[in-house]
Amino acid sequence: MVEVKLENLKKYFDNGKVKAVDGIDLTIKDGEFLVLLGPSGCGKTTTLRMIAGLETPTDGKIWFGDKDVTYLPPKDRNISMVFQSYAVWPHMTVYDNIAFPLKIKKYPKDEIDKKVKWAAEMLQIENLLDRYPAQLSGGQRQRVAVARAIVVEPAVLLMDEPLSNLDAKLRVAMRAEIKKLQTKLKVTTIYVTHDQVEAMTMGDRIAVMNKGKLLQVGPPTEVYLKPNSIFVGTFIGAPEMNLLEVSIKEKENGLVLEGTGLEIPLPEEFRELLEEYINKSVIFGIRPEHMTIEGVSSLEHVKRSTTIEGIVDFIEALGTDTIVHARVGEGNVIKIKLPGHIPLEIGSKVKIVVDLDNIHVFDKTTENAVI
């Protein structure tokens, strides 16, 4: 196991015109499971490939502990990598696939046998060792790829969207197994995905990337509840965070968020943060699950709330949840996530309860969080 440190890491293509990774500073702790999360093309896979030694940085440093590995070839980094495409060799049995990296390193035959059986047992594929990949399901092939990665007991385990080719049910099962495996092995793991659910359920910390930049790093709950920008707030969460353009106004009873046909009082402790925004436009954010409809459902553990009026515009009945689309003010439609099946009529007037301790205010120009 080892700590991985990235210092001002950059990777430019096309003579600097394309900034795939643009100055990342990030430390992955010894034994940590860190998820690089972001949309396609944000630079997360390029970052992973630089850590692996498959791409040469344009600038910056990569450290494994106190060792500078920036320009070391992959074979000298003591890393293993699991790819999206599994990359298992079709002409080899499961046993030989898992054993391959050990044979390359010239391990003794009896030690290879011992390690292969250990890895196969960890991934629950010990009964498949004599089979060929063509005889396996997608999930089984991915288990073989993971077994091959851990068999050498690497200092750093790298995973590039390893579950994206699996069906939804299998993805859920495999992400739980990979997380349990990593917890047991305590290997420093960097996992790339664009799937926010994978990130939230698997990562000790999430590092959110966009356009080559690192936007926010923190535990899943912190990134979810305290996003530092509009991008992070809307990229994580389903349905995504509601955003409305409003103004901050001073009223008799304190500061309020004011839109057309919409007024939300603000807790007094927000005043210091919002002083410079009085009489200016800002972006108000609220997650669908931090609202409810009066008389239909209640928000648990809510200390402070207010109500706004809305009209039911559309209903998504999902069985375990109901997503209510409601018109508020003029031209604004927000989503409210309610538990269970909620019988509401389209066009009916409702009072929407807003949890004031879970509201967000973003600077309209920078799109960074103010509160």
Protein backbone atom coordinates (compact mmCIF):
# COMPACT_ATOMS: atom_id res chain seq x y z
CA MET A 1 0.00 0.00 0.00
CA VAL A 2 1.12 3.53 -0.67
CA GLU A 3 -0.02 7.15 -0.70
CA VAL A 4 -0.41 8.62 -4.21
CA LYS A 5 0.21 12.33 -4.70
CA LEU A 6 -0.44 14.38 -7.84
CA GLU A 7 1.25 17.79 -8.02
CA ASN A 8 0.05 20.31 -10.62
CA LEU A 9 -0.52 17.42 -13.03
CA LYS A 10 -1.17 18.45 -16.63
CA LYS A 11 -1.73 16.68 -19.91
CA TYR A 12 -2.17 18.69 -23.10
CA PHE A 13 -2.78 17.33 -26.58
CA ASP A 14 -2.56 18.89 -30.05
CA ASN A 15 0.32 21.23 -29.17
CA GLY A 16 -1.42 22.52 -26.07
CA LYS A 17 -4.76 23.30 -27.73
CA VAL A 18 -6.58 20.50 -25.88
CA LYS A 19 -6.14 20.65 -22.09
CA ALA A 20 -7.24 17.16 -21.07
CA VAL A 21 -5.90 17.57 -17.52
CA ASP A 22 -5.20 21.10 -16.42
CA GLY A 23 -3.25 21.37 -13.17
CA ILE A 24 -4.54 18.77 -10.70
CA ASP A 25 -3.35 18.67 -7.09
CA LEU A 26 -4.64 15.62 -5.27
CA THR A 27 -3.49 13.23 -2.55
CA ILE A 28 -4.95 9.72 -2.33
CA LYS A 29 -4.34 8.36 1.15
CA ASP A 30 -2.72 5.03 1.88
CA GLY A 31 -5.42 2.34 1.63
CA GLU A 32 -8.10 4.79 0.48
CA PHE A 33 -10.79 4.11 -2.14
CA LEU A 34 -10.95 7.33 -4.17
CA VAL A 35 -13.41 7.80 -7.02
CA LEU A 36 -12.64 10.13 -9.94
CA LEU A 37 -16.10 11.24 -11.05
CA GLY A 38 -17.10 13.35 -14.02
CA PRO A 39 -18.74 13.40 -17.46
CA SER A 40 -17.17 11.89 -20.57
CA GLY A 41 -14.18 13.91 -21.74
CA CYS A 42 -13.52 15.56 -18.37
CA GLY A 43 -9.99 14.12 -18.08
CA LYS A 44 -10.53 11.42 -15.45
CA THR A 45 -9.31 8.49 -17.59
CA THR A 46 -6.30 10.52 -18.80
CA THR A 47 -5.45 11.20 -15.15
CA LEU A 48 -5.70 7.48 -14.37
CA ARG A 49 -3.51 6.60 -17.36
CA MET A 50 -0.83 9.06 -16.20
CA ILE A 51 -0.87 7.45 -12.74
CA ALA A 52 -0.50 4.06 -14.47
CA GLY A 53 2.38 5.29 -16.65
CA LEU A 54 0.42 4.78 -19.89
CA GLU A 55 0.47 8.53 -20.61
CA THR A 56 3.38 10.92 -20.05
CA PRO A 57 2.41 14.15 -18.24
CA THR A 58 2.95 17.46 -20.00
CA ASP A 59 3.88 18.90 -16.62
CA GLY A 60 3.64 18.10 -12.92
CA LYS A 61 4.69 15.24 -10.67
CA ILE A 62 3.31 11.87 -9.57
CA TRP A 63 4.50 10.46 -6.26
CA PHE A 64 4.00 6.99 -4.79
CA GLY A 65 4.92 7.63 -1.17
CA ASP A 66 8.28 9.46 -1.29
CA LYS A 67 9.17 8.02 -4.72
CA ASP A 68 8.84 10.16 -7.86
CA VAL A 69 7.25 7.84 -10.46
CA THR A 70 6.33 10.53 -13.02
CA TYR A 71 8.42 9.01 -15.79
CA LEU A 72 8.72 5.42 -14.60
CA PRO A 73 7.36 2.74 -16.98
CA PRO A 74 4.21 0.91 -15.77
CA LYS A 75 6.13 -2.30 -14.95
CA ASP A 76 8.19 -0.46 -12.35
CA ARG A 77 5.27 1.17 -10.51
CA ASN A 78 3.78 -1.88 -8.73
CA ILE A 79 0.30 -1.08 -10.01
CA SER A 80 -2.53 -3.17 -11.44
CA MET A 81 -5.28 -1.90 -13.72
CA VAL A 82 -8.78 -3.14 -14.49
CA PHE A 83 -10.21 -1.90 -17.80
CA GLN A 84 -13.75 -1.29 -18.98
CA SER A 85 -13.36 -3.96 -21.68
CA TYR A 86 -12.15 -6.66 -19.20
CA ALA A 87 -9.09 -7.37 -21.43
CA VAL A 88 -9.00 -11.08 -20.61
CA TRP A 89 -7.18 -13.27 -23.14
CA PRO A 90 -9.64 -15.52 -24.99
CA HIS A 91 -7.08 -18.27 -25.74
CA MET A 92 -6.16 -18.72 -22.06
CA THR A 93 -8.11 -20.46 -19.30
CA VAL A 94 -9.28 -18.47 -16.30
CA TYR A 95 -6.36 -19.95 -14.33
CA ASP A 96 -3.80 -18.84 -16.92
CA ASN A 97 -5.37 -15.39 -17.23
CA ILE A 98 -5.02 -14.82 -13.50
CA ALA A 99 -1.55 -16.37 -13.39
CA PHE A 100 -0.20 -14.36 -16.34
CA PRO A 101 1.25 -11.36 -14.42
CA LEU A 102 2.89 -13.73 -11.95
CA LYS A 103 4.51 -15.72 -14.77
CA ILE A 104 5.83 -12.48 -16.29
CA LYS A 105 7.44 -11.68 -12.93
CA LYS A 106 8.88 -15.24 -12.86
CA TYR A 107 7.25 -16.36 -9.62
CA PRO A 108 7.88 -20.03 -8.65
CA LYS A 109 5.20 -22.42 -9.92
CA ASP A 110 3.95 -23.42 -6.46
CA GLU A 111 3.64 -19.76 -5.39
CA ILE A 112 1.74 -18.95 -8.61
CA ASP A 113 -0.69 -21.78 -7.85
CA LYS A 114 -1.20 -20.58 -4.30
CA LYS A 115 -1.77 -16.95 -5.31
CA VAL A 116 -4.12 -17.80 -8.21
CA LYS A 117 -6.30 -19.92 -5.92
CA TRP A 118 -6.29 -17.15 -3.30
CA ALA A 119 -7.39 -14.51 -5.84
CA ALA A 120 -10.00 -16.83 -7.37
CA GLU A 121 -11.44 -17.53 -3.93
CA MET A 122 -11.58 -13.81 -3.13
CA LEU A 123 -13.62 -13.25 -6.30
CA GLN A 124 -15.66 -16.46 -5.86
CA ILE A 125 -14.58 -17.94 -9.22
CA GLU A 126 -12.56 -20.90 -7.95
CA ASN A 127 -14.94 -23.28 -9.78
CA LEU A 128 -14.25 -21.53 -13.12
CA LEU A 129 -10.46 -21.91 -13.30
CA ASP A 130 -10.52 -24.50 -16.13
CA ARG A 131 -12.93 -22.54 -18.33
CA TYR A 132 -12.18 -20.15 -21.19
CA PRO A 133 -13.54 -16.56 -21.32
CA ALA A 134 -15.99 -17.47 -24.11
CA GLN A 135 -17.69 -19.81 -21.63
CA LEU A 136 -18.18 -17.03 -19.07
CA SER A 137 -20.79 -14.32 -18.56
CA GLY A 138 -19.81 -10.64 -18.59
CA GLY A 139 -19.85 -10.53 -14.81
CA GLN A 140 -17.63 -13.61 -14.55
CA ARG A 141 -15.14 -12.16 -17.06
CA GLN A 142 -14.97 -8.99 -15.00
CA ARG A 143 -14.27 -11.04 -11.87
CA VAL A 144 -11.39 -12.71 -13.74
CA ALA A 145 -10.00 -9.27 -14.65
CA VAL A 146 -10.20 -8.13 -11.02
CA ALA A 147 -8.61 -11.39 -9.79
CA ARG A 148 -5.74 -10.91 -12.25
CA ALA A 149 -5.29 -7.35 -10.96
CA ILE A 150 -5.10 -8.26 -7.27
CA VAL A 151 -3.05 -11.46 -7.61
CA VAL A 152 0.23 -9.53 -7.67
CA GLU A 153 -0.84 -7.63 -4.52
CA PRO A 154 -0.17 -4.20 -6.08
CA ALA A 155 0.63 -1.05 -4.13
CA VAL A 156 -2.01 0.81 -6.19
CA LEU A 157 -5.12 -0.62 -7.89
CA LEU A 158 -6.51 1.40 -10.81
CA MET A 159 -10.00 0.80 -12.20
CA ASP A 160 -11.34 2.48 -15.35
CA GLU A 161 -15.16 2.20 -15.46
CA PRO A 162 -14.96 -1.56 -14.83
CA LEU A 163 -18.72 -2.07 -14.45
CA SER A 164 -20.07 -0.02 -17.36
CA ASN A 165 -20.47 -3.05 -19.66
CA LEU A 166 -22.59 -4.97 -17.15
CA ASP A 167 -26.38 -4.90 -16.85
CA ALA A 168 -27.95 -2.79 -14.09
CA LYS A 169 -28.63 -5.64 -11.65
CA LEU A 170 -25.14 -7.07 -11.98
CA ARG A 171 -23.57 -3.63 -11.60
CA VAL A 172 -25.23 -3.23 -8.21
CA ALA A 173 -23.95 -6.62 -7.03
CA MET A 174 -20.42 -6.08 -8.40
CA ARG A 175 -19.94 -2.62 -6.92
CA ALA A 176 -20.75 -4.02 -3.47
CA GLU A 177 -18.30 -6.88 -4.00
CA ILE A 178 -15.48 -4.62 -5.24
CA LYS A 179 -15.94 -2.29 -2.28
CA LYS A 180 -15.90 -5.19 0.20
CA LEU A 181 -12.83 -6.62 -1.54
CA GLN A 182 -10.97 -3.32 -1.36
CA THR A 183 -11.87 -2.92 2.32
CA LYS A 184 -10.48 -6.40 2.99
CA LEU A 185 -7.27 -5.89 0.97
CA LYS A 186 -6.76 -2.28 2.12
CA VAL A 187 -5.09 -1.49 -1.21
CA THR A 188 -4.92 2.14 -2.36
CA THR A 189 -7.57 2.26 -5.10
CA ILE A 190 -8.39 4.90 -7.71
CA TYR A 191 -11.66 4.21 -9.50
CA VAL A 192 -12.88 6.14 -12.55
CA THR A 193 -16.60 6.42 -13.32
CA HIS A 194 -19.20 8.79 -14.72
CA ASP A 195 -21.88 7.03 -12.63
CA GLN A 196 -22.72 9.12 -9.56
CA VAL A 197 -24.39 6.17 -7.80
CA GLU A 198 -21.18 4.13 -8.08
CA ALA A 199 -19.24 7.08 -6.73
CA MET A 200 -21.58 7.67 -3.80
CA THR A 201 -21.79 4.02 -2.76
CA MET A 202 -18.16 2.97 -3.27
CA GLY A 203 -15.83 5.89 -2.58
CA ASP A 204 -14.26 6.88 0.73
CA ARG A 205 -13.88 10.20 -1.05
CA ILE A 206 -15.07 11.53 -4.40
CA ALA A 207 -12.99 13.81 -6.64
CA VAL A 208 -15.31 15.59 -9.11
CA MET A 209 -13.73 16.65 -12.40
CA ASN A 210 -14.92 18.74 -15.34
CA LYS A 211 -13.05 20.10 -18.36
CA GLY A 212 -9.70 18.92 -17.04
CA LYS A 213 -10.12 20.65 -13.68
CA LEU A 214 -10.59 19.19 -10.22
CA LEU A 215 -13.67 20.92 -8.80
CA GLN A 216 -14.27 19.34 -5.39
CA VAL A 217 -12.86 16.53 -3.26
CA GLY A 218 -14.52 15.11 -0.17
CA PRO A 219 -16.53 12.29 1.39
CA PRO A 220 -19.66 11.39 -0.62
CA THR A 221 -22.09 12.92 1.89
CA GLU A 222 -20.14 16.18 2.05
CA VAL A 223 -19.95 16.53 -1.74
CA TYR A 224 -23.67 15.77 -1.96
CA LEU A 225 -24.89 18.09 0.80
CA LYS A 226 -22.31 20.87 0.38
CA PRO A 227 -21.50 21.16 -3.36
CA ASN A 228 -19.06 24.01 -4.01
CA SER A 229 -20.46 24.86 -7.45
CA ILE A 230 -23.51 24.54 -9.67
CA PHE A 231 -21.77 21.85 -11.70
CA VAL A 232 -21.11 19.62 -8.67
CA GLY A 233 -24.60 20.27 -7.29
CA THR A 234 -26.34 19.25 -10.51
CA PHE A 235 -23.99 16.43 -11.55
CA ILE A 236 -24.52 14.53 -8.30
CA GLY A 237 -28.09 13.66 -7.33
CA ALA A 238 -31.06 12.18 -9.16
CA PRO A 239 -33.29 13.91 -9.95
CA GLU A 240 -30.78 16.73 -10.16
CA MET A 241 -30.86 19.83 -7.99
CA ASN A 242 -33.52 22.43 -8.83
CA LEU A 243 -32.06 25.80 -9.86
CA LEU A 244 -33.98 29.09 -9.96
CA GLU A 245 -32.74 32.60 -10.70
CA VAL A 246 -33.79 34.91 -7.86
CA SER A 247 -32.71 38.16 -6.18
CA ILE A 248 -31.68 38.70 -2.57
CA LYS A 249 -33.82 41.39 -0.97
CA GLU A 250 -33.88 43.07 2.44
CA LYS A 251 -37.35 42.90 4.01
CA GLU A 252 -38.69 43.87 7.46
CA ASN A 253 -38.05 40.42 8.87
CA GLY A 254 -34.64 39.92 7.22
CA LEU A 255 -33.22 38.69 3.94
CA VAL A 256 -35.36 36.82 1.43
CA LEU A 257 -34.85 35.11 -1.92
CA GLU A 258 -37.31 36.78 -4.24
CA GLY A 259 -38.45 35.66 -7.67
CA THR A 260 -41.55 36.32 -9.71
CA GLY A 261 -44.35 35.01 -7.50
CA LEU A 262 -41.82 33.45 -5.14
CA GLU A 263 -40.41 34.47 -1.77
CA ILE A 264 -38.21 32.39 0.56
CA PRO A 265 -37.03 33.80 3.90
CA LEU A 266 -33.38 33.19 4.74
CA PRO A 267 -31.98 32.23 8.16
CA GLU A 268 -30.26 35.19 9.84
CA GLU A 269 -26.88 33.41 10.07
CA PHE A 270 -26.63 33.55 6.25
CA ARG A 271 -26.56 37.37 6.30
CA GLU A 272 -22.79 37.75 6.57
CA LEU A 273 -22.24 35.44 3.58
CA LEU A 274 -24.89 37.17 1.49
CA GLU A 275 -24.33 40.82 2.41
CA GLU A 276 -22.60 41.70 -0.87
CA TYR A 277 -25.39 40.03 -2.88
CA ILE A 278 -28.28 42.15 -1.55
CA ASN A 279 -30.33 43.50 -4.48
CA LYS A 280 -28.39 41.26 -6.87
CA SER A 281 -29.38 38.19 -8.86
CA VAL A 282 -28.19 34.79 -7.61
CA ILE A 283 -29.00 31.15 -8.35
CA PHE A 284 -31.10 29.39 -5.71
CA GLY A 285 -30.65 25.62 -5.48
CA ILE A 286 -32.68 22.99 -3.65
CA ARG A 287 -32.61 19.22 -4.01
CA PRO A 288 -35.95 17.48 -4.80
CA GLU A 289 -35.78 15.39 -1.60
CA HIS A 290 -35.34 18.52 0.55
CA MET A 291 -38.91 19.55 -0.23
CA THR A 292 -42.30 17.97 0.30
CA ILE A 293 -45.96 18.80 -0.21
CA GLU A 294 -47.98 19.93 2.78
CA GLY A 295 -50.63 17.43 3.83
CA VAL A 296 -49.17 14.69 1.65
CA SER A 297 -45.82 13.86 3.19
CA SER A 298 -43.49 15.27 5.83
CA LEU A 299 -39.79 16.09 6.00
CA GLU A 300 -38.14 14.24 8.88
CA HIS A 301 -35.73 16.00 11.25
CA VAL A 302 -36.37 19.42 9.65
CA LYS A 303 -35.68 22.29 12.05
CA ARG A 304 -36.59 25.25 9.84
CA SER A 305 -38.88 25.37 6.84
CA THR A 306 -41.08 27.65 4.79
CA THR A 307 -43.84 27.05 2.23
CA ILE A 308 -44.27 28.25 -1.33
CA GLU A 309 -47.28 27.79 -3.59
CA GLY A 310 -47.19 25.63 -6.69
CA ILE A 311 -49.35 23.90 -9.27
CA VAL A 312 -48.85 20.22 -10.14
CA ASP A 313 -47.63 20.05 -13.73
CA PHE A 314 -46.57 16.40 -14.17
CA ILE A 315 -46.15 13.28 -12.04
CA GLU A 316 -43.59 10.48 -12.35
CA ALA A 317 -44.81 7.45 -10.40
CA LEU A 318 -41.72 5.30 -9.79
CA GLY A 319 -43.21 2.88 -7.26
CA THR A 320 -40.86 3.46 -4.32
CA ASP A 321 -40.87 7.22 -5.03
CA THR A 322 -43.00 9.81 -6.77
CA ILE A 323 -41.43 12.77 -8.56
CA VAL A 324 -43.82 15.72 -8.69
CA HIS A 325 -43.11 18.46 -11.23
CA ALA A 326 -44.68 21.69 -9.99
CA ARG A 327 -44.91 25.17 -11.46
CA VAL A 328 -43.85 27.90 -9.05
CA GLY A 329 -43.81 31.61 -9.75
CA GLU A 330 -43.76 32.44 -13.46
CA GLY A 331 -42.10 30.01 -15.86
CA ASN A 332 -40.35 27.92 -13.20
CA VAL A 333 -40.86 24.17 -12.88
CA ILE A 334 -39.29 22.36 -9.93
CA LYS A 335 -39.13 18.67 -9.02
CA ILE A 336 -40.16 17.36 -5.60
CA LYS A 337 -39.22 13.82 -4.58
CA LEU A 338 -41.76 12.12 -2.34
CA PRO A 339 -41.60 8.61 -0.85
CA GLY A 340 -44.07 5.99 -2.06
CA HIS A 341 -47.05 6.38 -4.36
CA ILE A 342 -48.61 9.83 -4.05
CA PRO A 343 -52.06 10.35 -5.66
CA LEU A 344 -52.13 13.96 -6.85
CA GLU A 345 -54.11 15.51 -9.67
CA ILE A 346 -52.38 17.45 -12.43
CA GLY A 347 -53.38 21.09 -12.19
CA SER A 348 -54.07 20.99 -8.45
CA LYS A 349 -52.69 23.72 -6.21
CA VAL A 350 -50.24 22.60 -3.55
CA LYS A 351 -48.16 24.09 -0.75
CA ILE A 352 -44.52 23.06 -1.11
CA VAL A 353 -42.51 22.80 2.11
CA VAL A 354 -38.86 23.86 1.69
CA ASP A 355 -36.15 22.75 4.15
CA LEU A 356 -34.28 25.98 4.88
CA ASP A 357 -31.25 24.15 6.29
CA ASN A 358 -30.62 22.49 2.93
CA ILE A 359 -30.87 25.39 0.52
CA HIS A 360 -28.00 26.50 -1.70
CA VAL A 361 -27.13 29.90 -3.13
CA PHE A 362 -24.68 30.19 -6.02
CA ASP A 363 -22.95 33.22 -7.51
CA LYS A 364 -24.58 33.83 -10.88
CA THR A 365 -21.31 34.77 -12.60
CA THR A 366 -18.78 32.32 -11.14
CA GLU A 367 -21.37 29.58 -10.41
CA ASN A 368 -19.52 28.91 -7.14
CA ALA A 369 -21.43 28.25 -3.92
CA VAL A 370 -22.06 31.15 -1.57
CA ILE A 371 -24.00 29.02 0.94
